């Protein structure tokens, strides 16, 4: 074989199914992306940013249960992947806002469908968990 590699010999991740058209050497990266965008905090941040830029404290208020450390970490990861933007303004006190980047806007609709599905099937899933003997999820009051 010469200096050029024959592209017809690309190993695919699977012979059939949703991974069939994906080269095997892309699968590790795709799993990383799915882990990131499928994380509960990432999905909730993408959902909350739907109406425009928010400050850090506004994000924290709108996402009950997220710790400061987890919010900071998740924002950094989402920014690293180009899903959100971070804008710092030279004001006193300093102001930082987070917004959906174009890539994040494309993800937003998918995230909202998943959140809607989970909300729509809440009762049914709780019944199934109880039937299977799984512990019920704890719900915190918003007081």
N, C-alpha and C. Protein backbone atom coordinates (compact mmCIF):
# COMPACT_ATOMS: atom_id res chain seq x y z
N UNK A 1 0.85 -1.17 0.00
CA UNK A 1 0.00 0.00 0.00
C UNK A 1 0.90 1.23 0.00
N UNK A 2 0.52 2.27 -0.69
CA UNK A 2 1.31 3.48 -0.84
C UNK A 2 1.19 4.39 0.37
N UNK A 3 1.58 5.65 0.21
CA UNK A 3 1.56 6.63 1.29
C UNK A 3 0.13 6.98 1.71
N UNK A 4 -0.83 6.84 0.80
CA UNK A 4 -2.23 7.15 1.13
C UNK A 4 -2.93 5.91 1.67
N UNK A 5 -3.71 6.09 2.70
CA UNK A 5 -4.44 4.98 3.29
C UNK A 5 -5.76 4.81 2.55
N UNK A 6 -6.18 3.57 2.37
CA UNK A 6 -7.44 3.26 1.70
C UNK A 6 -8.59 3.50 2.69
N UNK A 7 -9.45 4.50 2.43
CA UNK A 7 -10.55 4.85 3.33
C UNK A 7 -11.68 3.84 3.33
N UNK A 8 -11.69 2.89 2.41
CA UNK A 8 -12.77 1.90 2.38
C UNK A 8 -12.61 0.86 3.47
N UNK A 9 -11.48 0.86 4.17
CA UNK A 9 -11.25 -0.14 5.21
C UNK A 9 -11.45 0.42 6.62
N UNK A 10 -12.30 1.42 6.78
CA UNK A 10 -12.58 2.00 8.10
C UNK A 10 -13.42 1.00 8.89
N UNK A 11 -12.96 0.67 10.08
CA UNK A 11 -13.69 -0.26 10.93
C UNK A 11 -14.87 0.48 11.57
N UNK A 12 -16.07 -0.09 11.42
CA UNK A 12 -17.26 0.52 11.99
C UNK A 12 -17.50 -0.03 13.40
N UNK A 13 -18.16 0.75 14.23
CA UNK A 13 -18.39 0.38 15.62
C UNK A 13 -19.31 -0.84 15.74
N UNK A 14 -20.25 -0.97 14.85
CA UNK A 14 -21.20 -2.09 14.90
C UNK A 14 -21.69 -2.40 13.50
N UNK A 15 -22.11 -3.64 13.30
CA UNK A 15 -22.61 -4.06 11.99
C UNK A 15 -24.02 -3.53 11.72
N UNK A 16 -24.80 -3.34 12.78
CA UNK A 16 -26.16 -2.81 12.63
C UNK A 16 -26.52 -2.01 13.87
N UNK A 17 -27.63 -1.31 13.80
CA UNK A 17 -28.09 -0.53 14.93
C UNK A 17 -27.63 0.91 14.88
N UNK A 18 -27.84 1.66 15.96
CA UNK A 18 -27.55 3.09 15.96
C UNK A 18 -26.06 3.42 15.81
N UNK A 19 -25.19 2.48 16.12
CA UNK A 19 -23.75 2.74 16.02
C UNK A 19 -23.15 2.27 14.69
N UNK A 20 -23.98 1.73 13.81
CA UNK A 20 -23.48 1.13 12.57
C UNK A 20 -22.74 2.11 11.67
N UNK A 21 -23.14 3.35 11.60
CA UNK A 21 -22.51 4.30 10.70
C UNK A 21 -21.35 5.06 11.33
N UNK A 22 -20.97 4.68 12.52
CA UNK A 22 -19.94 5.43 13.25
C UNK A 22 -18.63 4.65 13.21
N UNK A 23 -17.55 5.29 12.77
CA UNK A 23 -16.25 4.60 12.78
C UNK A 23 -15.88 4.21 14.22
N UNK A 24 -15.31 3.02 14.39
CA UNK A 24 -14.97 2.49 15.72
C UNK A 24 -14.05 3.43 16.48
N UNK A 25 -13.15 4.10 15.78
CA UNK A 25 -12.22 4.98 16.48
C UNK A 25 -12.87 6.28 16.96
N UNK A 26 -14.14 6.51 16.64
CA UNK A 26 -14.87 7.69 17.13
C UNK A 26 -15.70 7.37 18.38
N UNK A 27 -15.89 6.09 18.66
CA UNK A 27 -16.84 5.70 19.72
C UNK A 27 -16.43 6.18 21.11
N UNK A 28 -15.18 6.15 21.46
CA UNK A 28 -14.76 6.61 22.80
C UNK A 28 -15.12 8.08 22.97
N UNK A 29 -14.87 8.88 21.95
CA UNK A 29 -15.18 10.30 22.02
C UNK A 29 -16.69 10.51 22.10
N UNK A 30 -17.45 9.77 21.32
CA UNK A 30 -18.92 9.89 21.34
C UNK A 30 -19.46 9.53 22.72
N UNK A 31 -18.91 8.49 23.36
CA UNK A 31 -19.34 8.13 24.71
C UNK A 31 -19.04 9.26 25.69
N UNK A 32 -17.89 9.93 25.54
CA UNK A 32 -17.56 11.06 26.40
C UNK A 32 -18.57 12.19 26.23
N UNK A 33 -18.91 12.50 24.99
CA UNK A 33 -19.88 13.56 24.73
C UNK A 33 -21.24 13.19 25.31
N UNK A 34 -21.67 11.95 25.12
CA UNK A 34 -22.96 11.52 25.68
C UNK A 34 -22.95 11.57 27.20
N UNK A 35 -21.83 11.20 27.81
CA UNK A 35 -21.72 11.33 29.26
C UNK A 35 -21.89 12.78 29.69
N UNK A 36 -21.27 13.68 28.96
CA UNK A 36 -21.32 15.10 29.32
C UNK A 36 -22.72 15.66 29.13
N UNK A 37 -23.30 15.50 27.95
CA UNK A 37 -24.61 16.13 27.69
C UNK A 37 -25.75 15.37 28.36
N UNK A 38 -25.50 14.11 28.73
CA UNK A 38 -26.53 13.32 29.39
C UNK A 38 -26.50 13.44 30.90
N UNK A 39 -25.51 14.13 31.43
CA UNK A 39 -25.41 14.35 32.87
C UNK A 39 -26.58 15.21 33.34
N UNK A 40 -27.15 14.88 34.50
CA UNK A 40 -28.34 15.61 34.97
C UNK A 40 -28.09 17.10 35.12
N UNK A 41 -26.92 17.48 35.62
CA UNK A 41 -26.66 18.91 35.82
C UNK A 41 -26.48 19.63 34.50
N UNK A 42 -25.80 18.99 33.55
CA UNK A 42 -25.63 19.61 32.23
C UNK A 42 -26.98 19.85 31.57
N UNK A 43 -27.85 18.84 31.64
CA UNK A 43 -29.16 18.99 31.02
C UNK A 43 -29.96 20.12 31.66
N UNK A 44 -29.90 20.20 32.97
CA UNK A 44 -30.66 21.25 33.65
C UNK A 44 -30.09 22.63 33.36
N UNK A 45 -28.79 22.76 33.27
CA UNK A 45 -28.19 24.06 32.92
C UNK A 45 -28.60 24.46 31.51
N UNK A 46 -28.53 23.54 30.56
CA UNK A 46 -28.95 23.84 29.19
C UNK A 46 -30.43 24.25 29.17
N UNK A 47 -31.26 23.58 29.94
CA UNK A 47 -32.69 23.91 29.98
C UNK A 47 -32.92 25.29 30.57
N UNK A 48 -32.23 25.61 31.65
CA UNK A 48 -32.43 26.89 32.34
C UNK A 48 -31.97 28.07 31.49
N UNK A 49 -30.97 27.86 30.66
CA UNK A 49 -30.44 28.96 29.85
C UNK A 49 -31.28 29.25 28.60
N UNK A 50 -32.43 28.63 28.48
CA UNK A 50 -33.27 28.80 27.29
C UNK A 50 -33.72 30.23 27.05
N UNK A 51 -33.93 30.99 28.11
CA UNK A 51 -34.49 32.33 27.95
C UNK A 51 -33.44 33.42 27.86
N UNK A 52 -32.18 33.03 27.79
CA UNK A 52 -31.12 34.02 27.66
C UNK A 52 -30.08 33.91 28.75
N UNK A 53 -29.10 34.81 28.70
CA UNK A 53 -27.97 34.75 29.64
C UNK A 53 -28.40 34.88 31.09
N UNK A 54 -27.68 34.14 31.96
CA UNK A 54 -27.92 34.21 33.40
C UNK A 54 -26.59 34.33 34.13
N UNK A 55 -26.65 34.99 35.27
CA UNK A 55 -25.49 35.05 36.15
C UNK A 55 -25.40 33.74 36.94
N UNK A 56 -24.22 33.51 37.49
CA UNK A 56 -23.95 32.29 38.26
C UNK A 56 -24.99 32.10 39.37
N UNK A 57 -25.25 33.14 40.15
CA UNK A 57 -26.18 33.01 41.27
C UNK A 57 -27.61 32.73 40.79
N UNK A 58 -27.98 33.26 39.64
CA UNK A 58 -29.30 32.98 39.08
C UNK A 58 -29.40 31.52 38.66
N UNK A 59 -28.33 30.99 38.06
CA UNK A 59 -28.30 29.57 37.70
C UNK A 59 -28.46 28.71 38.95
N UNK A 60 -27.71 29.05 39.98
CA UNK A 60 -27.75 28.27 41.22
C UNK A 60 -29.16 28.30 41.84
N UNK A 61 -29.83 29.43 41.78
CA UNK A 61 -31.20 29.54 42.30
C UNK A 61 -32.19 28.72 41.49
N UNK A 62 -32.00 28.65 40.20
CA UNK A 62 -32.96 27.97 39.33
C UNK A 62 -32.72 26.47 39.22
N UNK A 63 -31.62 25.97 39.79
CA UNK A 63 -31.32 24.54 39.73
C UNK A 63 -31.18 24.03 41.17
N UNK A 64 -32.31 23.71 41.80
CA UNK A 64 -32.27 23.25 43.19
C UNK A 64 -31.41 22.00 43.34
N UNK A 65 -30.62 21.99 44.40
CA UNK A 65 -29.83 20.80 44.71
C UNK A 65 -28.42 20.80 44.16
N UNK A 66 -28.08 21.71 43.26
CA UNK A 66 -26.74 21.71 42.70
C UNK A 66 -25.80 22.45 43.66
N UNK A 67 -24.66 21.83 43.92
CA UNK A 67 -23.68 22.48 44.80
C UNK A 67 -22.89 23.51 44.00
N UNK A 68 -22.26 24.41 44.72
CA UNK A 68 -21.43 25.43 44.07
C UNK A 68 -20.30 24.77 43.27
N UNK A 69 -19.68 23.76 43.87
CA UNK A 69 -18.59 23.06 43.20
C UNK A 69 -19.06 22.38 41.90
N UNK A 70 -20.23 21.73 41.98
CA UNK A 70 -20.74 21.02 40.79
C UNK A 70 -21.18 22.01 39.72
N UNK A 71 -21.78 23.12 40.11
CA UNK A 71 -22.17 24.13 39.13
C UNK A 71 -20.94 24.68 38.42
N UNK A 72 -19.92 25.03 39.18
CA UNK A 72 -18.69 25.56 38.59
C UNK A 72 -18.06 24.55 37.63
N UNK A 73 -17.96 23.31 38.08
CA UNK A 73 -17.36 22.25 37.26
C UNK A 73 -18.15 22.01 35.97
N UNK A 74 -19.47 21.93 36.09
CA UNK A 74 -20.31 21.65 34.92
C UNK A 74 -20.27 22.82 33.94
N UNK A 75 -20.30 24.05 34.44
CA UNK A 75 -20.20 25.22 33.56
C UNK A 75 -18.88 25.20 32.79
N UNK A 76 -17.79 24.86 33.46
CA UNK A 76 -16.49 24.79 32.79
C UNK A 76 -16.49 23.74 31.69
N UNK A 77 -17.08 22.58 31.96
CA UNK A 77 -17.13 21.51 30.96
C UNK A 77 -18.00 21.90 29.76
N UNK A 78 -19.15 22.48 30.03
CA UNK A 78 -20.04 22.89 28.94
C UNK A 78 -19.40 23.99 28.09
N UNK A 79 -18.67 24.88 28.72
CA UNK A 79 -17.96 25.93 27.98
C UNK A 79 -16.83 25.31 27.16
N UNK A 80 -16.10 24.37 27.73
CA UNK A 80 -15.00 23.69 27.04
C UNK A 80 -15.50 23.02 25.76
N UNK A 81 -16.69 22.44 25.81
CA UNK A 81 -17.25 21.76 24.64
C UNK A 81 -17.96 22.70 23.68
N UNK A 82 -18.04 23.98 24.01
CA UNK A 82 -18.67 24.95 23.12
C UNK A 82 -20.19 24.96 23.19
N UNK A 83 -20.76 24.43 24.27
CA UNK A 83 -22.21 24.39 24.40
C UNK A 83 -22.76 25.66 25.05
N UNK A 84 -21.94 26.30 25.88
CA UNK A 84 -22.34 27.57 26.49
C UNK A 84 -21.20 28.57 26.31
N UNK A 85 -21.54 29.84 26.50
CA UNK A 85 -20.53 30.89 26.47
C UNK A 85 -20.47 31.54 27.85
N UNK A 86 -19.33 32.11 28.15
CA UNK A 86 -19.12 32.84 29.41
C UNK A 86 -18.66 34.23 29.04
N UNK A 87 -19.40 35.23 29.48
CA UNK A 87 -19.04 36.62 29.20
C UNK A 87 -18.77 37.33 30.52
N UNK A 88 -17.56 37.87 30.65
CA UNK A 88 -17.19 38.62 31.86
C UNK A 88 -17.19 40.10 31.51
N UNK A 89 -17.83 40.90 32.37
CA UNK A 89 -17.94 42.33 32.14
C UNK A 89 -17.10 43.07 33.18
N UNK A 90 -16.32 44.03 32.72
CA UNK A 90 -15.45 44.81 33.60
C UNK A 90 -16.27 45.88 34.32
N UNK A 91 -16.99 45.45 35.33
CA UNK A 91 -17.82 46.34 36.13
C UNK A 91 -17.45 46.15 37.59
N UNK A 92 -17.93 47.03 38.43
CA UNK A 92 -17.74 46.87 39.87
C UNK A 92 -19.12 46.75 40.50
N UNK A 93 -19.46 45.63 41.10
CA UNK A 93 -18.66 44.40 41.15
C UNK A 93 -18.65 43.71 39.79
N UNK A 94 -17.67 42.81 39.56
CA UNK A 94 -17.59 42.12 38.27
C UNK A 94 -18.86 41.33 37.99
N UNK A 95 -19.23 41.27 36.74
CA UNK A 95 -20.44 40.54 36.33
C UNK A 95 -20.03 39.49 35.30
N UNK A 96 -20.49 38.26 35.50
CA UNK A 96 -20.24 37.16 34.56
C UNK A 96 -21.59 36.55 34.20
N UNK A 97 -21.81 36.35 32.91
CA UNK A 97 -23.06 35.74 32.45
C UNK A 97 -22.76 34.52 31.58
N UNK A 98 -23.64 33.57 31.68
CA UNK A 98 -23.55 32.34 30.89
C UNK A 98 -24.76 32.29 29.95
N UNK A 99 -24.51 31.83 28.73
CA UNK A 99 -25.58 31.74 27.74
C UNK A 99 -25.36 30.50 26.87
N UNK A 100 -26.40 30.07 26.20
CA UNK A 100 -26.26 28.96 25.26
C UNK A 100 -25.50 29.43 24.03
N UNK A 101 -24.51 28.66 23.63
CA UNK A 101 -23.82 28.88 22.36
C UNK A 101 -24.68 28.23 21.27
N UNK A 102 -24.43 28.53 19.99
CA UNK A 102 -25.24 27.89 18.94
C UNK A 102 -25.29 26.36 19.05
N UNK A 103 -24.20 25.74 19.42
CA UNK A 103 -24.18 24.29 19.60
C UNK A 103 -25.12 23.87 20.73
N UNK A 104 -25.17 24.65 21.79
CA UNK A 104 -26.06 24.38 22.92
C UNK A 104 -27.52 24.59 22.58
N UNK A 105 -27.80 25.55 21.70
CA UNK A 105 -29.19 25.79 21.27
C UNK A 105 -29.72 24.54 20.58
N UNK A 106 -28.89 23.90 19.78
CA UNK A 106 -29.31 22.66 19.11
C UNK A 106 -29.59 21.54 20.09
N UNK A 107 -28.87 21.52 21.19
CA UNK A 107 -29.07 20.50 22.21
C UNK A 107 -30.30 20.79 23.07
N UNK A 108 -30.66 22.05 23.19
CA UNK A 108 -31.74 22.47 24.08
C UNK A 108 -33.06 21.74 23.81
N UNK A 109 -33.46 21.65 22.56
CA UNK A 109 -34.74 21.00 22.24
C UNK A 109 -34.74 19.53 22.68
N UNK A 110 -33.63 18.85 22.48
CA UNK A 110 -33.52 17.45 22.89
C UNK A 110 -33.62 17.33 24.41
N UNK A 111 -32.92 18.21 25.12
CA UNK A 111 -32.95 18.21 26.58
C UNK A 111 -34.36 18.45 27.09
N UNK A 112 -35.06 19.41 26.50
CA UNK A 112 -36.42 19.71 26.94
C UNK A 112 -37.35 18.52 26.70
N UNK A 113 -37.15 17.79 25.62
CA UNK A 113 -37.95 16.59 25.38
C UNK A 113 -37.69 15.54 26.45
N UNK A 114 -36.43 15.35 26.82
CA UNK A 114 -36.09 14.36 27.86
C UNK A 114 -36.67 14.76 29.22
N UNK A 115 -36.56 16.04 29.57
CA UNK A 115 -37.11 16.52 30.84
C UNK A 115 -38.63 16.36 30.82
N UNK A 116 -39.26 16.71 29.72
CA UNK A 116 -40.72 16.55 29.59
C UNK A 116 -41.14 15.10 29.71
N UNK A 117 -40.39 14.20 29.08
CA UNK A 117 -40.69 12.78 29.16
C UNK A 117 -40.60 12.30 30.61
N UNK A 118 -39.53 12.69 31.30
CA UNK A 118 -39.36 12.28 32.70
C UNK A 118 -40.50 12.81 33.57
N UNK A 119 -40.91 14.05 33.34
CA UNK A 119 -42.01 14.63 34.11
C UNK A 119 -43.33 13.93 33.79
N UNK A 120 -43.58 13.66 32.51
CA UNK A 120 -44.82 13.01 32.10
C UNK A 120 -44.96 11.59 32.67
N UNK A 121 -43.84 10.92 32.87
CA UNK A 121 -43.88 9.51 33.31
C UNK A 121 -43.45 9.33 34.76
N UNK A 122 -43.39 10.43 35.50
CA UNK A 122 -42.98 10.39 36.91
C UNK A 122 -43.76 9.35 37.71
N UNK A 123 -45.08 9.46 37.69
CA UNK A 123 -45.92 8.57 38.51
C UNK A 123 -45.75 7.11 38.10
N UNK A 124 -45.75 6.87 36.79
CA UNK A 124 -45.61 5.50 36.29
C UNK A 124 -44.28 4.88 36.71
N UNK A 125 -43.22 5.65 36.63
CA UNK A 125 -41.89 5.15 37.01
C UNK A 125 -41.84 4.91 38.52
N UNK A 126 -42.45 5.80 39.32
CA UNK A 126 -42.48 5.60 40.77
C UNK A 126 -43.21 4.30 41.12
N UNK A 127 -44.33 4.02 40.44
CA UNK A 127 -45.08 2.79 40.68
C UNK A 127 -44.22 1.58 40.31
N UNK A 128 -43.56 1.64 39.18
CA UNK A 128 -42.70 0.53 38.76
C UNK A 128 -41.55 0.30 39.74
N UNK A 129 -40.96 1.37 40.23
CA UNK A 129 -39.88 1.24 41.22
C UNK A 129 -40.39 0.61 42.51
N UNK A 130 -41.56 1.05 42.95
CA UNK A 130 -42.14 0.50 44.18
C UNK A 130 -42.43 -0.99 44.00
N UNK A 131 -42.95 -1.35 42.85
CA UNK A 131 -43.27 -2.74 42.54
C UNK A 131 -42.00 -3.60 42.55
N UNK A 132 -40.89 -3.02 42.07
CA UNK A 132 -39.62 -3.75 42.00
C UNK A 132 -38.85 -3.71 43.32
N UNK A 133 -39.36 -2.95 44.28
CA UNK A 133 -38.69 -2.86 45.57
C UNK A 133 -37.55 -1.87 45.61
N UNK A 134 -37.45 -1.02 44.59
CA UNK A 134 -36.40 0.00 44.57
C UNK A 134 -36.78 1.14 45.49
N UNK A 135 -35.79 1.76 46.13
CA UNK A 135 -36.11 2.89 47.00
C UNK A 135 -36.70 4.05 46.21
N UNK A 136 -37.68 4.71 46.80
CA UNK A 136 -38.31 5.87 46.15
C UNK A 136 -37.34 7.03 46.19
N UNK A 137 -37.41 7.86 45.17
CA UNK A 137 -36.55 9.05 45.17
C UNK A 137 -37.06 10.02 46.21
N UNK A 138 -36.11 10.70 46.87
CA UNK A 138 -36.47 11.69 47.87
C UNK A 138 -36.69 13.02 47.18
N UNK A 139 -37.78 13.69 47.53
CA UNK A 139 -38.09 15.00 46.95
C UNK A 139 -37.97 16.02 48.05
N UNK A 140 -37.15 17.04 47.81
CA UNK A 140 -36.98 18.10 48.78
C UNK A 140 -38.03 19.18 48.54
N UNK A 141 -38.50 19.77 49.62
CA UNK A 141 -39.44 20.87 49.47
C UNK A 141 -38.68 22.10 49.03
N UNK A 142 -39.35 23.03 48.39
CA UNK A 142 -38.70 24.23 47.87
C UNK A 142 -38.82 25.39 48.86
N UNK A 143 -39.06 25.12 50.10
CA UNK A 143 -39.21 26.20 51.07
C UNK A 143 -37.90 26.77 51.52
